Amino acid sequence: MTTFFDGDSYDTPAHARRFIADRFPLGRLVLIQKIASIVFKSRKLALAGEYHDQEWAESSFACFKTVEGCGGKIHIDGLDNVRNLKKPVVFVANHMSTMETVVLPVLIVPYRKVTFVVKEKLVKGPVFGPVMRSRNPIAIGRVDPRKDLQAVLDGGKKLLEDGTSIIIFPQSTRRDVFRREQFNSLGIKLALHAGVDVVPVALKTDFWSNGKRRTGFGPLQRKLPVYFSFGPPLTPVGRGKEEHMNVVEFIESRLKEWGAAIETDQPG
C-alpha cells in the first residue's frame, strides 16, 4: 500500500500552487468539477469491481490535493497514532463538512483497513452509491434509532473482528458549531461491544462550507485553515462514560485551539 505522508504531522507548504481557474469569480466551481471528476472515475472502477483500498487512497489523495489547489491550507497532527495501531479500532470524529468524508481515507487507509458508518441514502445514490458500496460500510436509515443502533453494533462488531476499523460521526449531521449534547456515545458503545479501542479525531473543515442550495458544496471559506488531529487510542471500560468524555474533551480542546465555534454550557 502506498503511503502519502511522512512523520506525525503535515502542513500545506507556503508555496503550494493554487489552480489558475480558482482565482476567478465562482472559483469554487473548480472544486465541484474536480471532485466530481474524481468521483465518476472512482464509480467506473467500483462498477468494474476494481476499486480497492489502493484506489480509494489514491482518489482520496486526489481530493486532498484538490482542496489545496483551491486555496485550502491543511494541517494534520497525530498521524503516528494511526500509523502505530496494531489492531482495528473505532475512529470517533466530529462532522463538519463533506471534506472529511473524502479526505480521511488517505490519512487512514494506508495503515489500517477502514470503512464508514454512513446514511443509507449515500449507499443507494446512483453516482456515489457504487463507490460507497464497494467500501462495505454500515448503512443506517436515521429513522428508527433502535434499528440503527443494532445495525452499528452487529455490523460493526463483525467488521472489526474481520480486521476492518470503523469511522463514525456521532453527530446526526454536519455541524459548524460543536455541541457536546449532540455528540452521542455510539462509537464508545460499538468499541465496548467489539472489545476494541477508540481513537478520537478532531477536525475543522468549514473551509468547505455546506451551502444552502447545493448541499455539501457551499462557498469556500479560504481564510479558514483546515485541521485534522488524531488522539491516542483509548480503551473503554465499564460503560465507557469516562472514555466518552475524554473523546469529547479532546475534540473540544482542539476546536478551541483552532478558533472553532463550540457550546459547552449544556450537560454532557
C-alpha atoms as a PDB file:
ATOM      1  CA  MET A   1       0.000   0.000   0.000  1.00  0.00           C
ATOM      2  CA  THR A   2       1.319   3.429  -0.980  1.00  0.00           C
ATOM      3  CA  THR A   3       1.744   5.933   1.854  1.00  0.00           C
ATOM      4  CA  PHE A   4       1.329   9.640   1.190  1.00  0.00           C
ATOM      5  CA  PHE A   5       2.670  11.353   4.317  1.00  0.00           C
ATOM      6  CA  ASP A   6       5.854  11.046   6.352  1.00  0.00           C
ATOM      7  CA  GLY A   7       6.102  11.797  10.032  1.00  0.00           C
ATOM      8  CA  ASP A   8       3.496  12.609  12.636  1.00  0.00           C
ATOM      9  CA  SER A   9       2.269  15.838  11.057  1.00  0.00           C
ATOM     10  CA  TYR A  10       1.721  17.656   7.776  1.00  0.00           C
ATOM     11  CA  ASP A  11       1.243  21.295   6.840  1.00  0.00           C
ATOM     12  CA  THR A  12       0.387  22.585   3.389  1.00  0.00           C
ATOM     13  CA  PRO A  13       3.571  24.218   2.070  1.00  0.00           C
ATOM     14  CA  ALA A  14       3.526  28.001   1.904  1.00  0.00           C
ATOM     15  CA  HIS A  15       4.446  27.775  -1.787  1.00  0.00           C
ATOM     16  CA  ALA A  16       1.639  25.334  -2.668  1.00  0.00           C
ATOM     17  CA  ARG A  17       0.262  26.229  -6.082  1.00  0.00           C
ATOM     18  CA  ARG A  18      -3.357  27.218  -6.486  1.00  0.00           C
ATOM     19  CA  PHE A  19      -5.337  26.335  -9.609  1.00  0.00           C
ATOM     20  CA  ILE A  20      -5.360  29.285 -12.008  1.00  0.00           C
ATOM     21  CA  ALA A  21      -9.104  28.916 -12.677  1.00  0.00           C
ATOM     22  CA  ASP A  22      -9.782  29.017  -8.943  1.00  0.00           C
ATOM     23  CA  ARG A  23      -8.582  32.628  -8.783  1.00  0.00           C
ATOM     24  CA  PHE A  24     -11.545  33.891 -10.815  1.00  0.00           C
ATOM     25  CA  PRO A  25     -15.128  34.635  -9.632  1.00  0.00           C
ATOM     26  CA  LEU A  26     -17.111  31.473  -8.896  1.00  0.00           C
ATOM     27  CA  GLY A  27     -13.805  29.694  -8.478  1.00  0.00           C
ATOM     28  CA  ARG A  28     -15.455  27.202  -6.129  1.00  0.00           C
ATOM     29  CA  LEU A  29     -16.931  25.598  -9.240  1.00  0.00           C
ATOM     30  CA  VAL A  30     -13.400  24.317  -9.867  1.00  0.00           C
ATOM     31  CA  LEU A  31     -13.634  22.292  -6.659  1.00  0.00           C
ATOM     32  CA  ILE A  32     -17.028  20.889  -7.663  1.00  0.00           C
ATOM     33  CA  GLN A  33     -15.828  19.970 -11.150  1.00  0.00           C
ATOM     34  CA  LYS A  34     -12.618  18.314  -9.991  1.00  0.00           C
ATOM     35  CA  ILE A  35     -14.228  16.395  -7.121  1.00  0.00           C
ATOM     36  CA  ALA A  36     -16.999  15.241  -9.470  1.00  0.00           C
ATOM     37  CA  SER A  37     -14.380  14.020 -11.942  1.00  0.00           C
ATOM     38  CA  ILE A  38     -12.655  12.013  -9.191  1.00  0.00           C
ATOM     39  CA  VAL A  39     -15.980  10.520  -8.049  1.00  0.00           C
ATOM     40  CA  PHE A  40     -17.020   9.487 -11.560  1.00  0.00           C
ATOM     41  CA  LYS A  41     -13.633   7.863 -12.172  1.00  0.00           C
ATOM     42  CA  SER A  42     -13.962   6.016  -8.856  1.00  0.00           C
ATOM     43  CA  ARG A  43     -17.519   4.997  -9.740  1.00  0.00           C
ATOM     44  CA  LYS A  44     -16.344   3.470 -13.000  1.00  0.00           C
ATOM     45  CA  LEU A  45     -13.720   1.435 -11.173  1.00  0.00           C
ATOM     46  CA  ALA A  46     -16.219   0.386  -8.495  1.00  0.00           C
ATOM     47  CA  LEU A  47     -18.737  -0.832 -11.082  1.00  0.00           C
ATOM     48  CA  ALA A  48     -15.956  -2.861 -12.691  1.00  0.00           C
ATOM     49  CA  GLY A  49     -15.009  -4.363  -9.326  1.00  0.00           C
ATOM     50  CA  GLU A  50     -11.620  -2.642  -9.454  1.00  0.00           C
ATOM     51  CA  TYR A  51     -11.980  -0.033  -6.698  1.00  0.00           C
ATOM     52  CA  HIS A  52      -9.907  -1.415  -3.836  1.00  0.00           C
ATOM     53  CA  ASP A  53      -8.059   0.142  -0.902  1.00  0.00           C
ATOM     54  CA  GLN A  54      -5.175   1.391  -3.048  1.00  0.00           C
ATOM     55  CA  GLU A  55      -7.564   3.078  -5.487  1.00  0.00           C
ATOM     56  CA  TRP A  56      -9.566   4.521  -2.583  1.00  0.00           C
ATOM     57  CA  ALA A  57      -6.439   6.011  -1.022  1.00  0.00           C
ATOM     58  CA  GLU A  58      -5.332   7.436  -4.370  1.00  0.00           C
ATOM     59  CA  SER A  59      -8.699   9.045  -5.112  1.00  0.00           C
ATOM     60  CA  SER A  60      -8.792  10.441  -1.569  1.00  0.00           C
ATOM     61  CA  PHE A  61      -5.334  11.931  -2.068  1.00  0.00           C
ATOM     62  CA  ALA A  62      -6.552  13.487  -5.327  1.00  0.00           C
ATOM     63  CA  CYS A  63      -9.379  15.129  -3.336  1.00  0.00           C
ATOM     64  CA  PHE A  64      -6.820  16.270  -0.745  1.00  0.00           C
ATOM     65  CA  LYS A  65      -4.678  17.920  -3.436  1.00  0.00           C
ATOM     66  CA  THR A  66      -7.792  19.468  -4.992  1.00  0.00           C
ATOM     67  CA  VAL A  67      -8.579  21.197  -1.693  1.00  0.00           C
ATOM     68  CA  GLU A  68      -5.019  22.558  -1.604  1.00  0.00           C
ATOM     69  CA  GLY A  69      -5.277  23.625  -5.241  1.00  0.00           C
ATOM     70  CA  CYS A  70      -8.384  25.606  -4.331  1.00  0.00           C
ATOM     71  CA  GLY A  71      -6.530  27.529  -1.637  1.00  0.00           C
ATOM     72  CA  GLY A  72      -7.013  25.203   1.329  1.00  0.00           C
ATOM     73  CA  LYS A  73      -4.263  25.225   3.969  1.00  0.00           C
ATOM     74  CA  ILE A  74      -4.333  21.791   5.595  1.00  0.00           C
ATOM     75  CA  HIS A  75      -2.739  20.976   8.941  1.00  0.00           C
ATOM     76  CA  ILE A  76      -2.593  17.423  10.294  1.00  0.00           C
ATOM     77  CA  ASP A  77      -1.161  16.012  13.511  1.00  0.00           C
ATOM     78  CA  GLY A  78      -1.264  12.713  15.349  1.00  0.00           C
ATOM     79  CA  LEU A  79      -0.638  10.538  12.291  1.00  0.00           C
ATOM     80  CA  ASP A  80       1.613   8.316  14.397  1.00  0.00           C
ATOM     81  CA  ASN A  81      -1.464   7.420  16.448  1.00  0.00           C
ATOM     82  CA  VAL A  82      -2.850   5.868  13.266  1.00  0.00           C
ATOM     83  CA  ARG A  83       0.408   4.506  11.862  1.00  0.00           C
ATOM     84  CA  ASN A  84       1.280   2.653  15.101  1.00  0.00           C
ATOM     85  CA  LEU A  85      -2.048   0.875  15.576  1.00  0.00           C
ATOM     86  CA  LYS A  86      -1.674  -2.875  15.946  1.00  0.00           C
ATOM     87  CA  LYS A  87      -5.338  -3.824  15.656  1.00  0.00           C
ATOM     88  CA  PRO A  88      -8.622  -2.407  14.320  1.00  0.00           C
ATOM     89  CA  VAL A  89     -10.238   0.467  16.215  1.00  0.00           C
ATOM     90  CA  VAL A  90     -13.253   2.747  16.141  1.00  0.00           C
ATOM     91  CA  PHE A  91     -12.368   6.254  14.951  1.00  0.00           C
ATOM     92  CA  VAL A  92     -14.778   8.727  16.567  1.00  0.00           C
ATOM     93  CA  ALA A  93     -14.863  12.148  14.918  1.00  0.00           C
ATOM     94  CA  ASN A  94     -16.891  15.329  14.830  1.00  0.00           C
ATOM     95  CA  HIS A  95     -18.579  16.047  11.494  1.00  0.00           C
ATOM     96  CA  MET A  96     -18.350  19.462   9.865  1.00  0.00           C
ATOM     97  CA  SER A  97     -18.422  19.149   6.050  1.00  0.00           C
ATOM     98  CA  THR A  98     -18.153  16.853   3.052  1.00  0.00           C
ATOM     99  CA  MET A  99     -14.380  17.232   3.156  1.00  0.00           C
ATOM    100  CA  GLU A 100     -13.692  14.717   5.913  1.00  0.00           C
ATOM    101  CA  THR A 101     -15.625  12.020   4.048  1.00  0.00           C
ATOM    102  CA  VAL A 102     -13.296  12.291   1.053  1.00  0.00           C
ATOM    103  CA  VAL A 103     -10.047  13.164   2.872  1.00  0.00           C
ATOM    104  CA  LEU A 104      -9.987  10.832   5.904  1.00  0.00           C
ATOM    105  CA  PRO A 105      -9.373   7.718   3.770  1.00  0.00           C
ATOM    106  CA  VAL A 106      -5.934   8.877   2.601  1.00  0.00           C
ATOM    107  CA  LEU A 107      -4.971   9.535   6.228  1.00  0.00           C
ATOM    108  CA  ILE A 108      -6.058   6.090   7.451  1.00  0.00           C
ATOM    109  CA  VAL A 109      -6.284   3.531   4.632  1.00  0.00           C
ATOM    110  CA  PRO A 110      -2.503   3.275   4.012  1.00  0.00           C
ATOM    111  CA  TYR A 111      -2.154   2.000   7.598  1.00  0.00           C
ATOM    112  CA  ARG A 112      -5.474   0.379   8.530  1.00  0.00           C
ATOM    113  CA  LYS A 113      -8.311  -1.161   6.523  1.00  0.00           C
ATOM    114  CA  VAL A 114     -11.318   1.030   7.329  1.00  0.00           C
ATOM    115  CA  THR A 115     -14.890   1.883   6.415  1.00  0.00           C
ATOM    116  CA  PHE A 116     -17.600   4.327   7.495  1.00  0.00           C
ATOM    117  CA  VAL A 117     -20.946   4.354   9.251  1.00  0.00           C
ATOM    118  CA  VAL A 118     -22.989   6.279   6.676  1.00  0.00           C
ATOM    119  CA  LYS A 119     -26.509   7.390   5.868  1.00  0.00           C
ATOM    120  CA  GLU A 120     -28.376   4.794   3.844  1.00  0.00           C
ATOM    121  CA  LYS A 121     -29.042   7.265   1.033  1.00  0.00           C
ATOM    122  CA  LEU A 122     -25.287   7.536   0.344  1.00  0.00           C
ATOM    123  CA  VAL A 123     -25.168   3.818  -0.366  1.00  0.00           C
ATOM    124  CA  LYS A 124     -28.215   3.900  -2.633  1.00  0.00           C
ATOM    125  CA  GLY A 125     -27.300   7.008  -4.643  1.00  0.00           C
ATOM    126  CA  PRO A 126     -26.748   6.489  -8.389  1.00  0.00           C
ATOM    127  CA  VAL A 127     -23.407   8.323  -8.541  1.00  0.00           C
ATOM    128  CA  PHE A 128     -21.620   7.922  -5.212  1.00  0.00           C
ATOM    129  CA  GLY A 129     -23.543   4.776  -4.259  1.00  0.00           C
ATOM    130  CA  PRO A 130     -21.356   2.279  -6.168  1.00  0.00           C
ATOM    131  CA  VAL A 131     -18.215   3.835  -4.650  1.00  0.00           C
ATOM    132  CA  MET A 132     -19.617   3.697  -1.133  1.00  0.00           C
ATOM    133  CA  ARG A 133     -20.943   0.153  -1.516  1.00  0.00           C
ATOM    134  CA  SER A 134     -17.505  -1.030  -2.623  1.00  0.00           C
ATOM    135  CA  ARG A 135     -16.203   0.057   0.795  1.00  0.00           C
ATOM    136  CA  ASN A 136     -18.622  -2.259   2.633  1.00  0.00           C
ATOM    137  CA  PRO A 137     -19.933   0.448   5.001  1.00  0.00           C
ATOM    138  CA  ILE A 138     -22.502   0.201   7.771  1.00  0.00           C
ATOM    139  CA  ALA A 139     -25.611   1.930   6.399  1.00  0.00           C
ATOM    140  CA  ILE A 140     -28.215   3.380   8.749  1.00  0.00           C
ATOM    141  CA  GLY A 141     -31.592   4.907   7.888  1.00  0.00           C
ATOM    142  CA  ARG A 142     -31.773   7.567  10.603  1.00  0.00           C
ATOM    143  CA  VAL A 143     -35.483   6.741  11.032  1.00  0.00           C
ATOM    144  CA  ASP A 144     -35.515   4.045  13.724  1.00  0.00           C
ATOM    145  CA  PRO A 145     -32.804   4.710  16.372  1.00  0.00           C
ATOM    146  CA  ARG A 146     -33.059   1.194  17.828  1.00  0.00           C
ATOM    147  CA  LYS A 147     -32.659  -0.391  14.410  1.00  0.00           C
ATOM    148  CA  ASP A 148     -29.690   1.861  13.652  1.00  0.00           C
ATOM    149  CA  LEU A 149     -28.052   1.019  16.983  1.00  0.00           C
ATOM    150  CA  GLN A 150     -28.380  -2.703  16.311  1.00  0.00           C
ATOM    151  CA  ALA A 151     -27.034  -2.310  12.775  1.00  0.00           C
ATOM    152  CA  VAL A 152     -23.966  -0.472  14.060  1.00  0.00           C
ATOM    153  CA  LEU A 153     -23.321  -2.860  16.958  1.00  0.00           C
ATOM    154  CA  ASP A 154     -23.811  -6.079  14.993  1.00  0.00           C
ATOM    155  CA  GLY A 155     -22.339  -4.970  11.667  1.00  0.00           C
ATOM    156  CA  GLY A 156     -19.526  -3.066  13.341  1.00  0.00           C
ATOM    157  CA  LYS A 157     -18.502  -5.960  15.553  1.00  0.00           C
ATOM    158  CA  LYS A 158     -18.287  -8.301  12.573  1.00  0.00           C
ATOM    159  CA  LEU A 159     -16.204  -5.841  10.565  1.00  0.00           C
ATOM    160  CA  LEU A 160     -13.867  -5.187  13.476  1.00  0.00           C
ATOM    161  CA  GLU A 161     -13.439  -8.912  14.105  1.00  0.00           C
ATOM    162  CA  ASP A 162     -12.514  -9.267  10.428  1.00  0.00           C
ATOM    163  CA  GLY A 163      -9.839  -6.561  10.810  1.00  0.00           C
ATOM    164  CA  THR A 164     -11.678  -3.508   9.465  1.00  0.00           C
ATOM    165  CA  SER A 165     -11.673  -0.321  11.524  1.00  0.00           C
ATOM    166  CA  ILE A 166     -14.777   1.884  11.631  1.00  0.00           C
ATOM    167  CA  ILE A 167     -15.098   5.674  11.207  1.00  0.00           C
ATOM    168  CA  ILE A 168     -18.173   7.024  12.947  1.00  0.00           C
ATOM    169  CA  PHE A 169     -19.563  10.558  13.221  1.00  0.00           C
ATOM    170  CA  PRO A 170     -21.799  10.549  16.327  1.00  0.00           C
ATOM    171  CA  GLN A 171     -23.450  13.855  15.391  1.00  0.00           C
ATOM    172  CA  SER A 172     -26.636  13.367  13.395  1.00  0.00           C
ATOM    173  CA  THR A 173     -25.448  15.614  10.575  1.00  0.00           C
ATOM    174  CA  ARG A 174     -22.693  18.051   9.543  1.00  0.00           C
ATOM    175  CA  ARG A 175     -22.459  20.915  12.044  1.00  0.00           C
ATOM    176  CA  ASP A 176     -20.414  24.131  12.096  1.00  0.00           C
ATOM    177  CA  VAL A 177     -20.953  24.530  15.862  1.00  0.00           C
ATOM    178  CA  PHE A 178     -19.880  21.739  18.202  1.00  0.00           C
ATOM    179  CA  ARG A 179     -22.374  20.986  20.976  1.00  0.00           C
ATOM    180  CA  ARG A 180     -21.472  18.110  23.257  1.00  0.00           C
ATOM    181  CA  GLU A 181     -25.114  17.182  23.864  1.00  0.00           C
ATOM    182  CA  GLN A 182     -25.396  16.402  20.135  1.00  0.00           C
ATOM    183  CA  PHE A 183     -22.368  14.110  20.283  1.00  0.00           C
ATOM    184  CA  ASN A 184     -23.684  10.704  21.344  1.00  0.00           C
ATOM    185  CA  SER A 185     -21.699   7.762  22.673  1.00  0.00           C
ATOM    186  CA  LEU A 186     -22.430   5.341  19.815  1.00  0.00           C
ATOM    187  CA  GLY A 187     -18.736   4.998  18.973  1.00  0.00           C
ATOM    188  CA  ILE A 188     -17.939   4.019  22.563  1.00  0.00           C
ATOM    189  CA  LYS A 189     -20.840   1.540  22.623  1.00  0.00           C
ATOM    190  CA  LEU A 190     -19.520  -0.112  19.473  1.00  0.00           C
ATOM    191  CA  ALA A 191     -15.968  -0.288  20.858  1.00  0.00           C
ATOM    192  CA  LEU A 192     -17.225  -1.880  24.082  1.00  0.00           C
ATOM    193  CA  HIS A 193     -19.395  -4.333  22.151  1.00  0.00           C
ATOM    194  CA  ALA A 194     -16.473  -5.384  19.959  1.00  0.00           C
ATOM    195  CA  GLY A 195     -13.734  -5.165  22.611  1.00  0.00           C
ATOM    196  CA  VAL A 196     -11.560  -2.664  20.723  1.00  0.00           C
ATOM    197  CA  ASP A 197     -10.001   0.739  21.352  1.00  0.00           C
ATOM    198  CA  VAL A 198     -11.297   4.142  20.295  1.00  0.00           C
ATOM    199  CA  VAL A 199      -9.226   6.806  18.527  1.00  0.00           C
ATOM    200  CA  PRO A 200     -10.653  10.342  18.887  1.00  0.00           C
ATOM    201  CA  VAL A 201     -10.473  12.517  15.775  1.00  0.00           C
ATOM    202  CA  ALA A 202     -10.913  16.286  15.908  1.00  0.00           C
ATOM    203  CA  LEU A 203     -11.366  18.135  12.648  1.00  0.00           C
ATOM    204  CA  LYS A 204     -12.174  21.599  11.394  1.00  0.00           C
ATOM    205  CA  THR A 205     -13.202  21.621   7.748  1.00  0.00           C
ATOM    206  CA  ASP A 206     -15.504  24.632   7.440  1.00  0.00           C
ATOM    207  CA  PHE A 207     -13.190  25.873   4.676  1.00  0.00           C
ATOM    208  CA  TRP A 208     -15.556  23.728   2.564  1.00  0.00           C
ATOM    209  CA  SER A 209     -18.940  25.080   3.664  1.00  0.00           C
ATOM    210  CA  ASN A 210     -22.135  23.066   3.370  1.00  0.00           C
ATOM    211  CA  GLY A 211     -24.176  25.597   1.433  1.00  0.00           C
ATOM    212  CA  LYS A 212     -27.935  26.087   1.353  1.00  0.00           C
ATOM    213  CA  ARG A 213     -28.947  25.263  -2.216  1.00  0.00           C
ATOM    214  CA  ARG A 214     -26.263  22.730  -3.140  1.00  0.00           C
ATOM    215  CA  THR A 215     -25.891  20.590  -0.020  1.00  0.00           C
ATOM    216  CA  GLY A 216     -22.263  19.791   0.660  1.00  0.00           C
ATOM    217  CA  PHE A 217     -20.885  22.259  -1.866  1.00  0.00           C
ATOM    218  CA  GLY A 218     -21.230  25.740  -0.430  1.00  0.00           C
ATOM    219  CA  PRO A 219     -18.820  28.674  -0.879  1.00  0.00           C
ATOM    220  CA  LEU A 220     -15.182  28.094   0.017  1.00  0.00           C
ATOM    221  CA  GLN A 221     -14.013  29.986   3.101  1.00  0.00           C
ATOM    222  CA  ARG A 222     -10.388  30.437   2.044  1.00  0.00           C
ATOM    223  CA  LYS A 223      -9.392  32.354   5.176  1.00  0.00           C
ATOM    224  CA  LEU A 224     -10.224  29.317   7.325  1.00  0.00           C
ATOM    225  CA  PRO A 225      -7.427  26.726   7.727  1.00  0.00           C
ATOM    226  CA  VAL A 226      -8.264  23.020   7.658  1.00  0.00           C
ATOM    227  CA  TYR A 227      -7.290  20.856  10.624  1.00  0.00           C
ATOM    228  CA  PHE A 228      -7.218  17.115  11.359  1.00  0.00           C
ATOM    229  CA  SER A 229      -5.937  15.762  14.669  1.00  0.00           C
ATOM    230  CA  PHE A 230      -5.785  12.114  15.779  1.00  0.00           C
ATOM    231  CA  GLY A 231      -5.613  11.422  19.501  1.00  0.00           C
ATOM    232  CA  PRO A 232      -4.014   8.411  21.210  1.00  0.00           C
ATOM    233  CA  PRO A 233      -6.116   5.221  21.466  1.00  0.00           C
ATOM    234  CA  LEU A 234      -8.450   4.878  24.440  1.00  0.00           C
ATOM    235  CA  THR A 235      -9.620   1.574  25.932  1.00  0.00           C
ATOM    236  CA  PRO A 236     -13.261   1.826  27.083  1.00  0.00           C
ATOM    237  CA  VAL A 237     -14.033   0.100  30.380  1.00  0.00           C
ATOM    238  CA  GLY A 238     -17.267  -0.424  32.274  1.00  0.00           C
ATOM    239  CA  ARG A 239     -19.949   1.594  30.491  1.00  0.00           C
ATOM    240  CA  GLY A 240     -17.343   3.748  28.779  1.00  0.00           C
ATOM    241  CA  LYS A 241     -18.596   7.012  30.268  1.00  0.00           C
ATOM    242  CA  GLU A 242     -15.129   8.304  31.138  1.00  0.00           C
ATOM    243  CA  GLU A 243     -13.745   7.435  27.712  1.00  0.00           C
ATOM    244  CA  HIS A 244     -16.690   9.154  26.012  1.00  0.00           C
ATOM    245  CA  MET A 245     -15.960  12.311  27.972  1.00  0.00           C
ATOM    246  CA  ASN A 246     -12.274  12.030  27.081  1.00  0.00           C
ATOM    247  CA  VAL A 247     -13.206  11.884  23.386  1.00  0.00           C
ATOM    248  CA  VAL A 248     -15.491  14.915  23.730  1.00  0.00           C
ATOM    249  CA  GLU A 249     -12.877  16.875  25.658  1.00  0.00           C
ATOM    250  CA  PHE A 250     -10.169  16.020  23.130  1.00  0.00           C
ATOM    251  CA  ILE A 251     -12.326  17.314  20.282  1.00  0.00           C
ATOM    252  CA  GLU A 252     -13.444  20.405  22.209  1.00  0.00           C
ATOM    253  CA  SER A 253      -9.900  21.305  23.232  1.00  0.00           C
ATOM    254  CA  ARG A 254      -8.643  21.084  19.661  1.00  0.00           C
ATOM    255  CA  LEU A 255     -11.588  23.061  18.303  1.00  0.00           C
ATOM    256  CA  LYS A 256     -10.976  25.784  20.890  1.00  0.00           C
ATOM    257  CA  GLU A 257      -7.318  25.907  19.892  1.00  0.00           C
ATOM    258  CA  TRP A 258      -8.357  26.292  16.251  1.00  0.00           C
ATOM    259  CA  GLY A 259     -10.912  29.019  16.976  1.00  0.00           C
ATOM    260  CA  ALA A 260     -13.959  26.941  16.041  1.00  0.00           C
ATOM    261  CA  ALA A 261     -17.449  27.617  17.387  1.00  0.00           C
ATOM    262  CA  ILE A 262     -18.379  25.364  20.308  1.00  0.00           C
ATOM    263  CA  GLU A 263     -21.012  25.322  23.022  1.00  0.00           C
ATOM    264  CA  THR A 264     -20.277  23.613  26.327  1.00  0.00           C
ATOM    265  CA  ASP A 265     -22.997  25.066  28.565  1.00  0.00           C
ATOM    266  CA  GLN A 266     -25.252  22.041  28.279  1.00  0.00           C
ATOM    267  CA  PRO A 267     -24.571  18.947  30.396  1.00  0.00           C
ATOM    268  CA  GLY A 268     -22.738  16.123  28.615  1.00  0.00           C
END
